[in-house]
Amino acid sequence: MSFAAFDGTRRVPPAVNEPVRNYAPGSPERAALQTRLDAMAAEQIDIPIVIGGRRIHTGDTGTVRMPCDHQHVLATYHKATPALVHEAIESAVAARAEWASWRWEERAAVFLRAAELLTTTWRNTLLASTMLGQAKTVHQAEIDATCELIDFWRFNVQFAQELYAEQPISDHSMWNQLDYRPLEGFVYAVTPFNFTAIGGNLPGAPALMGNGVLWKPSATALLSSWYTYRLLEEAGLPAGVINFIPGDAAMISDIALTHRDLAGVHFTGSTGVFNSMWETVGKNMGKYRSYPRIVGETGGKDFIVAHPSADPQALAVGMVRGAFEYQGQKCSAASRAYIPASLWPTVQERCLAMMGEMKQGDTRDFTNFVAAVIDERAFDRLAKAIDEAKANATIVAGGGYDKAKGWFIPAHDRGNEGPHLPHAL
């Protein structure tokens, strides 16, 4: 039975958090994932631009490299031209007219199907692409690329239902009703490298609400982003609702942010980039059809402040996990810590002991806790920071770096000590 033939109040399934799998040695899920990792590492795929459902190959290409082995090319991707960015915007605006006319439950069904596909047949593909292309360990990939993305798609639908149910109060003399409509124009979604789930959520959430979307994925997360897009296609997302536009971020943003039909921005990334985007929108406010809605999440320096009554073991575990899980490449990563002098000797000893046991290497070895940083630019920035620390602090742990094979910053190699100033982990 189609939705159009059904007359009643619909209720989506209650959203539940996807259980986290542990991929224990000898388990079927571990064996299946390792098989998928081997298969995907052995292939080099071609990632096109997708506009209105049409695959486009410009011939102006870039490469997706494995951070743990930067000579290993996982994919070639095609870069959009200015003309194609304009075409993608037109496609998003045109698709919105049809997509917005669907009942919201029909739109929701697409994302609930996507969540179920990710729970089952697509799980290992999203996991493997995130582990290989973004250097996430199996646990970090599991909590991100599968569980969090599944949760986003399920809970977004539940929240949409709650939003649509919010209606004004009426009395017997009138019946007030509120009609929720998508934005007039297109939404520009710009996603980061460090969370596959954000790659699926930033274009997915506005699409669920009936919008047409221009999705600019991070060049260093293109493998998982491409498979996320293909998963949405298999779930029934109509052509043109989300247009997949890899390429030069500055060029794409210059066109999207100054276009008359810009209706919204959905962004996660650096503070500097978001400030620039906001400034561009402000300068062009007079040319838009309506006021663009701007949503941005940006980075910062997370920190730990310990009270003298803190348990040293719990504090040390929090510091090590907070600092080094996913190589510290999260907005929640512990970048600095303020520890009372009374606690520091014990906390330092326990931190160093744990750091000395941390294995680092290729994410295909499930015993590794730390892998490589995302690309050479990140590596060089961290190497410079380490050199500056050597000149201004005592290096308690670490202090080395090596990009001969992968972009690795060891956490436990003892480096050359500088002047005896404040300690740096």
Foldseek 3Di string as FASTA:
>chain_A
DDPVVDDDDDDDPAFDFDDFDDLDPPDPVVVVLLVVLVVQLVDEEEAAWAALNDGDAPVQWDFQAFQQFRVRTRYIYHADDLVVLVRLQVLQLVVLVVQQPDDLVVLLQLLLLLLVCCVPVCVSQLQSLCCGLQVAASRLSRVFRRRLLSSLSNVLSVVVSVVLPDADDDDPVDDGGDDQGAFQGAEEEEEEQRGLSSLLRQLSSSLSRRGAYEYEYDPSSVSSSRSSVVSSVVSPDGGSSYTYHYHDPVSSLVDQLQDQRAAEYREEEAPVVLVVSVVSNVVNVVRHPDRHYYDYHHADAAAEEDDPVDDLLVVLVCLLCLAANSHNPDSSRHRYYHDDPVNVVVNLVNNLVVLVPAAEGRSSPNSHRHYAHRDDVVLVVVLVVLVVCQAPAFESAFSDFDPPGRGDGRGGHHHDHHPHDHYDD
